N, C-alpha and C. Protein backbone atom coordinates (compact mmCIF):
# COMPACT_ATOMS: atom_id res chain seq x y z
N MET A 1 28.45 -2.46 44.41
CA MET A 1 29.59 -3.39 44.57
C MET A 1 29.07 -4.83 44.51
N VAL A 2 29.81 -5.73 43.82
CA VAL A 2 29.45 -7.00 43.79
C VAL A 2 29.75 -7.77 44.99
N ASN A 3 28.78 -8.42 45.55
CA ASN A 3 29.05 -9.33 46.78
C ASN A 3 30.00 -10.43 46.45
N GLY A 4 30.89 -10.65 47.51
CA GLY A 4 31.76 -11.72 47.31
C GLY A 4 33.14 -11.39 46.61
N MET A 5 33.37 -10.00 46.11
CA MET A 5 34.50 -9.54 45.65
C MET A 5 35.35 -9.29 46.49
N VAL A 6 36.77 -9.78 46.10
CA VAL A 6 37.81 -9.50 46.99
C VAL A 6 37.96 -7.90 47.01
N THR A 7 38.21 -7.35 48.22
CA THR A 7 38.33 -5.95 48.29
C THR A 7 39.60 -5.70 49.20
N LYS A 8 40.09 -4.54 49.05
CA LYS A 8 41.19 -4.06 50.00
C LYS A 8 40.84 -2.61 50.53
N LYS A 9 40.92 -2.27 51.72
CA LYS A 9 40.74 -1.10 52.22
C LYS A 9 41.74 -0.03 51.81
N VAL A 10 41.33 1.12 51.53
CA VAL A 10 42.44 2.13 51.22
C VAL A 10 41.74 3.47 51.67
N THR A 11 42.74 4.47 51.72
CA THR A 11 42.33 5.77 52.13
C THR A 11 42.29 6.71 50.96
N VAL A 12 41.25 7.45 50.63
CA VAL A 12 40.98 8.14 49.56
C VAL A 12 40.64 9.65 50.05
N THR A 13 41.34 10.62 49.52
CA THR A 13 41.06 11.89 49.89
C THR A 13 40.06 12.52 48.92
N LEU A 14 38.89 13.18 49.19
CA LEU A 14 37.89 13.91 48.35
C LEU A 14 37.67 15.35 48.62
N PRO A 15 37.59 16.28 47.89
CA PRO A 15 37.24 17.48 48.33
C PRO A 15 35.94 17.46 49.31
N GLU A 16 35.80 18.11 50.14
CA GLU A 16 34.70 18.18 51.23
C GLU A 16 33.40 18.14 50.36
N GLY A 17 33.11 19.16 49.45
CA GLY A 17 31.91 19.29 48.73
C GLY A 17 31.55 18.03 47.88
N GLN A 18 32.55 17.29 47.44
CA GLN A 18 32.14 15.91 46.63
C GLN A 18 31.63 14.93 47.77
N LEU A 19 32.49 14.83 48.79
CA LEU A 19 32.08 13.94 49.88
C LEU A 19 30.63 14.26 50.41
N GLU A 20 30.48 15.53 50.68
CA GLU A 20 29.08 15.66 51.16
C GLU A 20 28.00 15.50 50.04
N ARG A 21 28.23 15.67 49.00
CA ARG A 21 27.18 15.30 47.83
C ARG A 21 27.05 13.70 47.96
N VAL A 22 28.28 12.94 47.87
CA VAL A 22 27.88 11.43 47.95
C VAL A 22 27.18 11.01 49.10
N ARG A 23 27.43 11.62 50.34
CA ARG A 23 26.67 11.37 51.68
C ARG A 23 25.23 11.70 51.48
N LYS A 24 25.06 12.77 50.81
CA LYS A 24 23.64 12.93 50.61
C LYS A 24 22.91 11.98 49.71
N LEU A 25 23.61 11.41 48.71
CA LEU A 25 23.01 10.43 47.78
C LEU A 25 22.85 9.06 48.70
N VAL A 26 23.81 8.76 49.71
CA VAL A 26 23.68 7.62 50.58
C VAL A 26 22.36 7.90 51.39
N ALA A 27 22.24 8.99 52.08
CA ALA A 27 21.23 9.36 52.93
C ALA A 27 19.74 9.22 52.28
N LYS A 28 19.73 9.50 51.00
CA LYS A 28 18.52 9.38 50.28
C LYS A 28 18.27 7.91 49.72
N GLY A 29 19.22 7.18 49.97
CA GLY A 29 19.03 5.76 49.44
C GLY A 29 19.46 5.59 48.02
N ALA A 30 19.86 6.73 47.42
CA ALA A 30 20.12 6.55 45.93
C ALA A 30 21.36 5.72 45.67
N VAL A 31 22.29 5.55 46.64
CA VAL A 31 23.45 4.67 46.58
C VAL A 31 23.52 3.92 47.85
N GLU A 32 24.11 2.64 47.89
CA GLU A 32 24.34 1.93 48.90
C GLU A 32 25.36 2.60 50.12
N SER A 33 26.17 3.23 49.53
CA SER A 33 27.46 3.45 50.68
C SER A 33 28.38 4.45 49.91
N VAL A 34 29.36 5.11 50.78
CA VAL A 34 30.13 5.82 50.09
C VAL A 34 31.16 4.97 49.43
N SER A 35 31.61 3.91 50.05
CA SER A 35 32.60 2.86 49.40
C SER A 35 31.82 2.27 48.10
N GLY A 36 30.56 2.12 47.93
CA GLY A 36 30.01 1.55 46.84
C GLY A 36 30.07 2.48 45.62
N PHE A 37 29.76 3.75 46.00
CA PHE A 37 29.79 4.93 45.12
C PHE A 37 31.19 5.06 44.51
N VAL A 38 32.21 5.02 45.48
CA VAL A 38 33.59 5.30 44.88
C VAL A 38 34.01 3.97 44.05
N THR A 39 33.56 2.90 44.54
CA THR A 39 34.00 1.70 43.63
C THR A 39 33.48 1.70 42.20
N ASP A 40 31.96 2.10 42.31
CA ASP A 40 31.37 2.36 40.87
C ASP A 40 32.02 3.39 40.13
N ALA A 41 32.40 4.52 40.65
CA ALA A 41 33.11 5.44 39.94
C ALA A 41 34.35 5.26 39.49
N VAL A 42 35.29 4.52 40.28
CA VAL A 42 36.50 4.05 39.68
C VAL A 42 36.15 3.05 38.47
N SER A 43 35.14 2.15 38.70
CA SER A 43 34.93 1.26 37.63
C SER A 43 34.63 1.86 36.23
N MET A 44 33.74 2.87 36.41
CA MET A 44 33.37 3.60 35.16
C MET A 44 34.55 4.37 34.66
N SER A 45 35.27 4.97 35.38
CA SER A 45 36.65 5.66 34.98
C SER A 45 37.51 4.75 34.36
N LEU A 46 37.81 3.84 34.84
CA LEU A 46 38.62 2.62 34.30
C LEU A 46 38.05 2.17 32.79
N ASP A 47 36.90 1.98 32.82
CA ASP A 47 36.01 1.56 31.50
C ASP A 47 36.35 2.90 30.45
N ASP A 48 36.24 3.96 30.97
CA ASP A 48 36.37 5.17 29.92
C ASP A 48 37.82 5.35 29.62
N ALA A 49 38.70 5.16 30.66
CA ALA A 49 40.31 5.24 30.08
C ALA A 49 40.63 3.96 29.07
N GLU A 50 40.19 2.90 29.33
CA GLU A 50 40.44 1.77 28.41
C GLU A 50 39.65 1.90 27.13
N GLY A 51 38.44 2.46 27.01
CA GLY A 51 37.81 2.91 25.78
C GLY A 51 38.48 3.88 24.99
N TYR A 52 38.85 4.92 25.79
CA TYR A 52 39.69 6.04 25.02
C TYR A 52 40.85 5.58 24.46
N GLY A 53 41.67 4.68 25.06
CA GLY A 53 42.82 4.11 24.64
C GLY A 53 42.52 3.36 23.38
N ALA A 54 41.43 2.48 23.36
CA ALA A 54 41.12 1.83 22.32
C ALA A 54 40.80 2.72 21.06
N MET A 55 40.21 3.78 21.42
CA MET A 55 39.64 4.59 20.34
C MET A 55 40.93 5.39 19.56
N LEU A 56 41.80 5.77 20.50
CA LEU A 56 43.00 6.32 20.04
C LEU A 56 43.94 5.37 19.10
N ARG A 57 44.04 4.13 19.59
CA ARG A 57 44.68 3.17 18.74
C ARG A 57 44.15 3.02 17.43
N GLU A 58 42.79 2.96 17.32
CA GLU A 58 42.05 2.76 16.24
C GLU A 58 42.25 3.89 15.33
N GLY A 59 42.06 5.10 15.80
CA GLY A 59 42.31 6.27 15.10
C GLY A 59 43.61 6.47 14.34
N LEU A 60 44.73 6.09 15.26
CA LEU A 60 46.03 6.08 14.75
C LEU A 60 46.23 5.15 13.73
N GLU A 61 45.63 3.87 13.83
CA GLU A 61 45.78 2.98 12.59
C GLU A 61 45.05 3.48 11.44
N ARG A 62 43.88 3.98 11.56
CA ARG A 62 43.22 4.63 10.32
C ARG A 62 43.90 5.76 9.71
N THR A 63 44.82 6.57 10.39
CA THR A 63 45.38 7.66 9.79
C THR A 63 46.92 7.52 9.62
N GLY A 64 47.40 6.43 9.61
CA GLY A 64 48.78 6.16 9.41
C GLY A 64 49.76 5.88 10.52
N GLY A 65 49.30 5.55 11.61
CA GLY A 65 50.14 5.12 12.69
C GLY A 65 50.32 6.18 13.62
N PRO A 66 51.55 6.06 14.58
CA PRO A 66 51.67 7.05 15.53
C PRO A 66 52.28 8.39 14.86
N MET A 67 52.20 9.57 15.57
CA MET A 67 52.89 10.65 14.97
C MET A 67 54.38 10.58 14.89
N THR A 68 54.64 11.30 13.95
CA THR A 68 56.15 11.38 13.58
C THR A 68 56.98 12.38 14.61
N ARG A 69 58.16 12.54 14.66
CA ARG A 69 58.64 13.64 15.61
C ARG A 69 58.15 14.91 14.99
N LYS A 70 58.11 15.16 13.65
CA LYS A 70 57.80 16.40 13.09
C LYS A 70 56.29 16.63 13.41
N GLU A 71 55.43 15.68 13.30
CA GLU A 71 54.07 16.05 13.59
C GLU A 71 53.92 16.33 15.15
N ARG A 72 54.56 15.76 15.92
CA ARG A 72 54.57 15.91 17.42
C ARG A 72 55.07 17.22 17.81
N ALA A 73 56.23 17.68 17.11
CA ALA A 73 56.77 19.12 17.38
C ALA A 73 55.64 20.04 16.91
N TRP A 74 54.99 20.03 15.80
CA TRP A 74 54.12 20.83 15.21
C TRP A 74 52.89 20.90 16.27
N ALA A 75 52.46 19.73 16.63
CA ALA A 75 51.28 19.69 17.83
C ALA A 75 51.67 20.35 18.90
N ASP A 76 52.90 20.24 19.41
CA ASP A 76 53.40 20.71 20.56
C ASP A 76 53.37 22.30 20.54
N ARG A 77 53.73 22.83 19.27
CA ARG A 77 53.80 24.21 19.18
C ARG A 77 52.40 24.81 18.91
N ILE A 78 51.67 24.18 18.43
CA ILE A 78 50.18 24.64 18.37
C ILE A 78 49.43 24.79 19.62
N LEU A 79 49.71 23.53 20.53
CA LEU A 79 49.16 23.50 21.79
C LEU A 79 49.96 24.41 22.99
N GLY A 80 51.04 25.02 22.61
CA GLY A 80 51.82 25.69 23.41
C GLY A 80 52.63 24.96 24.34
N ILE A 81 53.01 23.84 24.00
CA ILE A 81 53.72 22.77 24.95
C ILE A 81 55.19 23.08 24.72
N LYS A 82 55.84 23.40 25.93
CA LYS A 82 57.44 23.55 25.53
C LYS A 82 58.02 22.17 25.64
N PRO A 83 59.08 22.23 24.71
CA PRO A 83 59.98 20.98 24.72
C PRO A 83 60.39 20.67 26.02
N ARG A 84 60.45 19.18 26.45
CA ARG A 84 61.13 18.73 27.50
C ARG A 84 62.50 18.72 27.25
N ARG A 85 63.09 19.16 28.42
CA ARG A 85 64.70 18.88 28.53
C ARG A 85 65.15 17.44 28.60
N ARG A 86 66.01 16.84 27.96
CA ARG A 86 66.28 15.66 28.28
C ARG A 86 67.23 15.65 29.27
N LYS A 87 67.18 14.59 30.31
CA LYS A 87 68.09 14.26 31.63
C LYS A 87 69.42 14.02 30.87
N LYS A 88 70.47 14.71 31.40
CA LYS A 88 71.78 14.01 31.26
C LYS A 88 72.08 13.02 32.14
N THR A 89 72.68 11.88 31.49
CA THR A 89 73.16 10.90 32.25
C THR A 89 74.41 10.86 32.61
N VAL A 90 74.87 10.65 33.79
CA VAL A 90 76.23 10.69 34.19
C VAL A 90 76.94 9.47 34.15
């Protein structure tokens, strides 16, 4: 965690096994704290998500843009995704 960074305290729920593993890393001195570990993990996850979004946009640009309805319906059938029902507006 960067010193001087503005932070906000939140509650995060983790599976017991994951928390125990993080605490063992803290005890070994491999990471500074549970909070520091979670901050780094969130930062990496955000970078990954943003990177994947950029890769997807680039791939779509190279292959002709977003999928058409017909292409999306085909992909949904192949992947076994059932069509969503549209909500009726009253």
